[in-house]
Amino acid sequence: MAVVSVSMPDDLLERLDQFAEEHGYTGRSEVVREASRNLLGEFEDTRLEDRDLMGIVTVLFDYETTNVEERMMHLRHEHEDLVASNFHSHVGDHYCMELFVLEGELEDISTFVGRIRATKDALTVDYSVIPVDSFDPLAQS
């Protein structure tokens, strides 16, 4: 197995080690391997390919980190054919939240989420994707 060097902030490394210990992992490498497999597999669900999808993406960042907000604005404009709606809100004393509603295909949504995740200083990026091409609200009961 290849050995890979990864840089991360000390507080994240401490959280990673604590998580490994609390959940019975043999060490941080096992946690990173599992997280990597999960991340890579997120958009490999073939049931979502070639379907009309709706995606909801939320991004949390410190309001003093203006470069994140600027990056979100640029991404929104670069992907205006995908972004159906965008909402900015202040959360607590120090945070901002961007919410994106996306309409498109899996590959486009995956690219958008990946570009947001690559944004330096974004604290959290969460998303969900659902097919809307055969959505039947009565079938949900």
C-alpha atoms as a PDB file:
ATOM      1  CA  MET A   1       0.000   0.000   0.000  1.00  0.00           C
ATOM      2  CA  ALA A   2       1.332   3.443  -0.936  1.00  0.00           C
ATOM      3  CA  VAL A   3       2.112   5.986   1.776  1.00  0.00           C
ATOM      4  CA  VAL A   4       0.696   9.485   1.191  1.00  0.00           C
ATOM      5  CA  SER A   5       1.573  12.675   3.036  1.00  0.00           C
ATOM      6  CA  VAL A   6      -1.348  15.014   3.737  1.00  0.00           C
ATOM      7  CA  SER A   7      -1.213  18.474   5.284  1.00  0.00           C
ATOM      8  CA  MET A   8      -4.013  19.524   7.643  1.00  0.00           C
ATOM      9  CA  PRO A   9      -4.497  21.959  10.518  1.00  0.00           C
ATOM     10  CA  ASP A  10      -3.598  20.670  13.981  1.00  0.00           C
ATOM     11  CA  ASP A  11      -7.179  20.946  15.263  1.00  0.00           C
ATOM     12  CA  LEU A  12      -8.468  18.792  12.391  1.00  0.00           C
ATOM     13  CA  LEU A  13      -5.770  16.218  13.033  1.00  0.00           C
ATOM     14  CA  GLU A  14      -6.730  16.100  16.723  1.00  0.00           C
ATOM     15  CA  ARG A  15     -10.392  15.613  15.782  1.00  0.00           C
ATOM     16  CA  LEU A  16      -9.396  12.868  13.352  1.00  0.00           C
ATOM     17  CA  ASP A  17      -7.381  11.031  16.017  1.00  0.00           C
ATOM     18  CA  GLN A  18     -10.185  11.404  18.564  1.00  0.00           C
ATOM     19  CA  PHE A  19     -12.731  10.119  16.056  1.00  0.00           C
ATOM     20  CA  ALA A  20     -10.555   7.093  15.268  1.00  0.00           C
ATOM     21  CA  GLU A  21     -10.196   6.253  18.941  1.00  0.00           C
ATOM     22  CA  GLU A  22     -13.871   6.772  19.806  1.00  0.00           C
ATOM     23  CA  HIS A  23     -15.120   4.685  16.877  1.00  0.00           C
ATOM     24  CA  GLY A  24     -12.668   1.805  17.080  1.00  0.00           C
ATOM     25  CA  TYR A  25     -10.523   2.546  14.029  1.00  0.00           C
ATOM     26  CA  THR A  26      -6.971   1.244  14.045  1.00  0.00           C
ATOM     27  CA  GLY A  27      -5.683   4.743  13.320  1.00  0.00           C
ATOM     28  CA  ARG A  28      -6.071   7.889  11.284  1.00  0.00           C
ATOM     29  CA  SER A  29      -5.074   6.155   8.035  1.00  0.00           C
ATOM     30  CA  GLU A  30      -8.111   3.879   8.270  1.00  0.00           C
ATOM     31  CA  VAL A  31     -10.391   6.885   8.840  1.00  0.00           C
ATOM     32  CA  VAL A  32      -8.882   8.768   5.889  1.00  0.00           C
ATOM     33  CA  ARG A  33      -9.226   5.702   3.618  1.00  0.00           C
ATOM     34  CA  GLU A  34     -12.896   5.275   4.537  1.00  0.00           C
ATOM     35  CA  ALA A  35     -13.625   8.987   4.152  1.00  0.00           C
ATOM     36  CA  SER A  36     -11.896   8.972   0.755  1.00  0.00           C
ATOM     37  CA  ARG A  37     -13.936   5.986  -0.447  1.00  0.00           C
ATOM     38  CA  ASN A  38     -17.136   7.677   0.721  1.00  0.00           C
ATOM     39  CA  LEU A  39     -16.266  10.979  -0.935  1.00  0.00           C
ATOM     40  CA  LEU A  40     -15.349   9.332  -4.226  1.00  0.00           C
ATOM     41  CA  GLY A  41     -18.479   7.179  -4.177  1.00  0.00           C
ATOM     42  CA  GLU A  42     -20.923   9.978  -3.437  1.00  0.00           C
ATOM     43  CA  PHE A  43     -21.741  10.731  -7.042  1.00  0.00           C
ATOM     44  CA  GLU A  44     -21.246   7.245  -8.441  1.00  0.00           C
ATOM     45  CA  ASP A  45     -24.862   6.251  -7.820  1.00  0.00           C
ATOM     46  CA  THR A  46     -25.908   5.002 -11.261  1.00  0.00           C
ATOM     47  CA  ARG A  47     -29.579   5.409 -10.307  1.00  0.00           C
ATOM     48  CA  LEU A  48     -29.057   9.171 -10.618  1.00  0.00           C
ATOM     49  CA  GLU A  49     -27.327   9.197 -13.999  1.00  0.00           C
ATOM     50  CA  ASP A  50     -29.180  10.711 -16.949  1.00  0.00           C
ATOM     51  CA  ARG A  51     -31.956  12.057 -14.724  1.00  0.00           C
ATOM     52  CA  ASP A  52     -33.251  15.513 -13.936  1.00  0.00           C
ATOM     53  CA  LEU A  53     -32.080  16.275 -10.417  1.00  0.00           C
ATOM     54  CA  MET A  54     -32.530  18.902  -7.761  1.00  0.00           C
ATOM     55  CA  GLY A  55     -29.625  19.581  -5.436  1.00  0.00           C
ATOM     56  CA  ILE A  56     -29.513  21.580  -2.228  1.00  0.00           C
ATOM     57  CA  VAL A  57     -26.075  22.797  -1.157  1.00  0.00           C
ATOM     58  CA  THR A  58     -25.349  24.664   2.086  1.00  0.00           C
ATOM     59  CA  VAL A  59     -22.042  26.332   2.860  1.00  0.00           C
ATOM     60  CA  LEU A  60     -21.081  27.755   6.245  1.00  0.00           C
ATOM     61  CA  PHE A  61     -18.175  30.182   6.641  1.00  0.00           C
ATOM     62  CA  ASP A  62     -16.876  32.878   8.967  1.00  0.00           C
ATOM     63  CA  TYR A  63     -18.242  36.249   7.870  1.00  0.00           C
ATOM     64  CA  GLU A  64     -14.798  37.839   8.224  1.00  0.00           C
ATOM     65  CA  THR A  65     -13.523  35.516   5.481  1.00  0.00           C
ATOM     66  CA  THR A  66     -14.773  37.640   2.608  1.00  0.00           C
ATOM     67  CA  ASN A  67     -12.948  35.581   0.004  1.00  0.00           C
ATOM     68  CA  VAL A  68     -15.439  32.725   0.590  1.00  0.00           C
ATOM     69  CA  GLU A  69     -18.422  34.959  -0.099  1.00  0.00           C
ATOM     70  CA  GLU A  70     -16.723  36.329  -3.222  1.00  0.00           C
ATOM     71  CA  ARG A  71     -15.973  32.780  -4.388  1.00  0.00           C
ATOM     72  CA  MET A  72     -19.626  31.789  -3.870  1.00  0.00           C
ATOM     73  CA  MET A  73     -20.724  34.765  -5.980  1.00  0.00           C
ATOM     74  CA  HIS A  74     -18.326  33.802  -8.771  1.00  0.00           C
ATOM     75  CA  LEU A  75     -19.462  30.160  -8.725  1.00  0.00           C
ATOM     76  CA  ARG A  76     -23.103  31.233  -8.803  1.00  0.00           C
ATOM     77  CA  HIS A  77     -22.450  33.293 -11.933  1.00  0.00           C
ATOM     78  CA  GLU A  78     -20.227  30.686 -13.587  1.00  0.00           C
ATOM     79  CA  HIS A  79     -22.980  28.079 -13.125  1.00  0.00           C
ATOM     80  CA  GLU A  80     -26.039  30.250 -13.692  1.00  0.00           C
ATOM     81  CA  ASP A  81     -27.582  27.557 -15.898  1.00  0.00           C
ATOM     82  CA  LEU A  82     -27.440  25.162 -12.904  1.00  0.00           C
ATOM     83  CA  VAL A  83     -28.228  27.489  -9.970  1.00  0.00           C
ATOM     84  CA  ALA A  84     -31.992  27.944  -9.763  1.00  0.00           C
ATOM     85  CA  SER A  85     -31.835  29.924  -6.533  1.00  0.00           C
ATOM     86  CA  ASN A  86     -29.311  31.239  -4.026  1.00  0.00           C
ATOM     87  CA  PHE A  87     -29.868  32.505  -0.489  1.00  0.00           C
ATOM     88  CA  HIS A  88     -27.422  34.215   1.883  1.00  0.00           C
ATOM     89  CA  SER A  89     -28.088  34.391   5.616  1.00  0.00           C
ATOM     90  CA  HIS A  90     -26.246  35.448   8.751  1.00  0.00           C
ATOM     91  CA  VAL A  91     -25.980  32.711  11.372  1.00  0.00           C
ATOM     92  CA  GLY A  92     -25.002  33.560  14.929  1.00  0.00           C
ATOM     93  CA  ASP A  93     -22.467  36.271  15.594  1.00  0.00           C
ATOM     94  CA  HIS A  94     -19.704  35.244  13.233  1.00  0.00           C
ATOM     95  CA  TYR A  95     -21.017  33.065  10.436  1.00  0.00           C
ATOM     96  CA  CYS A  96     -22.698  33.253   7.065  1.00  0.00           C
ATOM     97  CA  MET A  97     -24.589  30.531   5.269  1.00  0.00           C
ATOM     98  CA  GLU A  98     -25.033  30.226   1.525  1.00  0.00           C
ATOM     99  CA  LEU A  99     -27.789  27.964   0.274  1.00  0.00           C
ATOM    100  CA  PHE A 100     -27.909  26.945  -3.361  1.00  0.00           C
ATOM    101  CA  VAL A 101     -30.827  25.249  -5.095  1.00  0.00           C
ATOM    102  CA  LEU A 102     -29.571  23.460  -8.191  1.00  0.00           C
ATOM    103  CA  GLU A 103     -31.441  21.939 -11.122  1.00  0.00           C
ATOM    104  CA  GLY A 104     -29.507  19.788 -13.539  1.00  0.00           C
ATOM    105  CA  GLU A 105     -27.713  16.525 -14.185  1.00  0.00           C
ATOM    106  CA  LEU A 106     -25.474  14.576 -11.835  1.00  0.00           C
ATOM    107  CA  GLU A 107     -22.198  15.503 -13.517  1.00  0.00           C
ATOM    108  CA  ASP A 108     -22.956  19.235 -13.339  1.00  0.00           C
ATOM    109  CA  ILE A 109     -24.092  19.075  -9.711  1.00  0.00           C
ATOM    110  CA  SER A 110     -21.016  17.018  -8.813  1.00  0.00           C
ATOM    111  CA  THR A 111     -18.727  19.565 -10.450  1.00  0.00           C
ATOM    112  CA  PHE A 112     -20.431  22.438  -8.617  1.00  0.00           C
ATOM    113  CA  VAL A 113     -20.224  20.714  -5.214  1.00  0.00           C
ATOM    114  CA  GLY A 114     -16.589  19.832  -5.845  1.00  0.00           C
ATOM    115  CA  ARG A 115     -15.705  23.418  -6.657  1.00  0.00           C
ATOM    116  CA  ILE A 116     -17.446  24.632  -3.512  1.00  0.00           C
ATOM    117  CA  ARG A 117     -15.654  22.013  -1.406  1.00  0.00           C
ATOM    118  CA  ALA A 118     -12.351  23.207  -2.851  1.00  0.00           C
ATOM    119  CA  THR A 119     -13.042  26.730  -1.584  1.00  0.00           C
ATOM    120  CA  LYS A 120     -10.485  27.621   1.064  1.00  0.00           C
ATOM    121  CA  ASP A 121     -11.956  28.620   4.454  1.00  0.00           C
ATOM    122  CA  ALA A 122     -15.422  27.127   3.873  1.00  0.00           C
ATOM    123  CA  LEU A 123     -16.178  25.550   7.252  1.00  0.00           C
ATOM    124  CA  THR A 124     -18.819  23.060   6.142  1.00  0.00           C
ATOM    125  CA  VAL A 125     -20.335  22.014   2.836  1.00  0.00           C
ATOM    126  CA  ASP A 126     -23.442  19.810   2.941  1.00  0.00           C
ATOM    127  CA  TYR A 127     -25.676  18.757   0.083  1.00  0.00           C
ATOM    128  CA  SER A 128     -28.462  16.455  -0.958  1.00  0.00           C
ATOM    129  CA  VAL A 129     -29.574  15.347  -4.415  1.00  0.00           C
ATOM    130  CA  ILE A 130     -32.985  14.009  -5.412  1.00  0.00           C
ATOM    131  CA  PRO A 131     -34.452  13.060  -8.790  1.00  0.00           C
ATOM    132  CA  VAL A 132     -37.325  15.263  -9.911  1.00  0.00           C
ATOM    133  CA  ASP A 133     -38.061  13.743 -13.320  1.00  0.00           C
ATOM    134  CA  SER A 134     -40.430  11.158 -11.885  1.00  0.00           C
ATOM    135  CA  PHE A 135     -41.294  12.777  -8.572  1.00  0.00           C
ATOM    136  CA  ASP A 136     -44.688  11.711  -7.295  1.00  0.00           C
ATOM    137  CA  PRO A 137     -45.558  13.439  -4.001  1.00  0.00           C
ATOM    138  CA  LEU A 138     -48.423  10.992  -3.409  1.00  0.00           C
ATOM    139  CA  ALA A 139     -45.997   8.079  -3.452  1.00  0.00           C
ATOM    140  CA  GLN A 140     -44.161   9.541  -0.443  1.00  0.00           C
ATOM    141  CA  SER A 141     -46.966   8.781   2.027  1.00  0.00           C
END
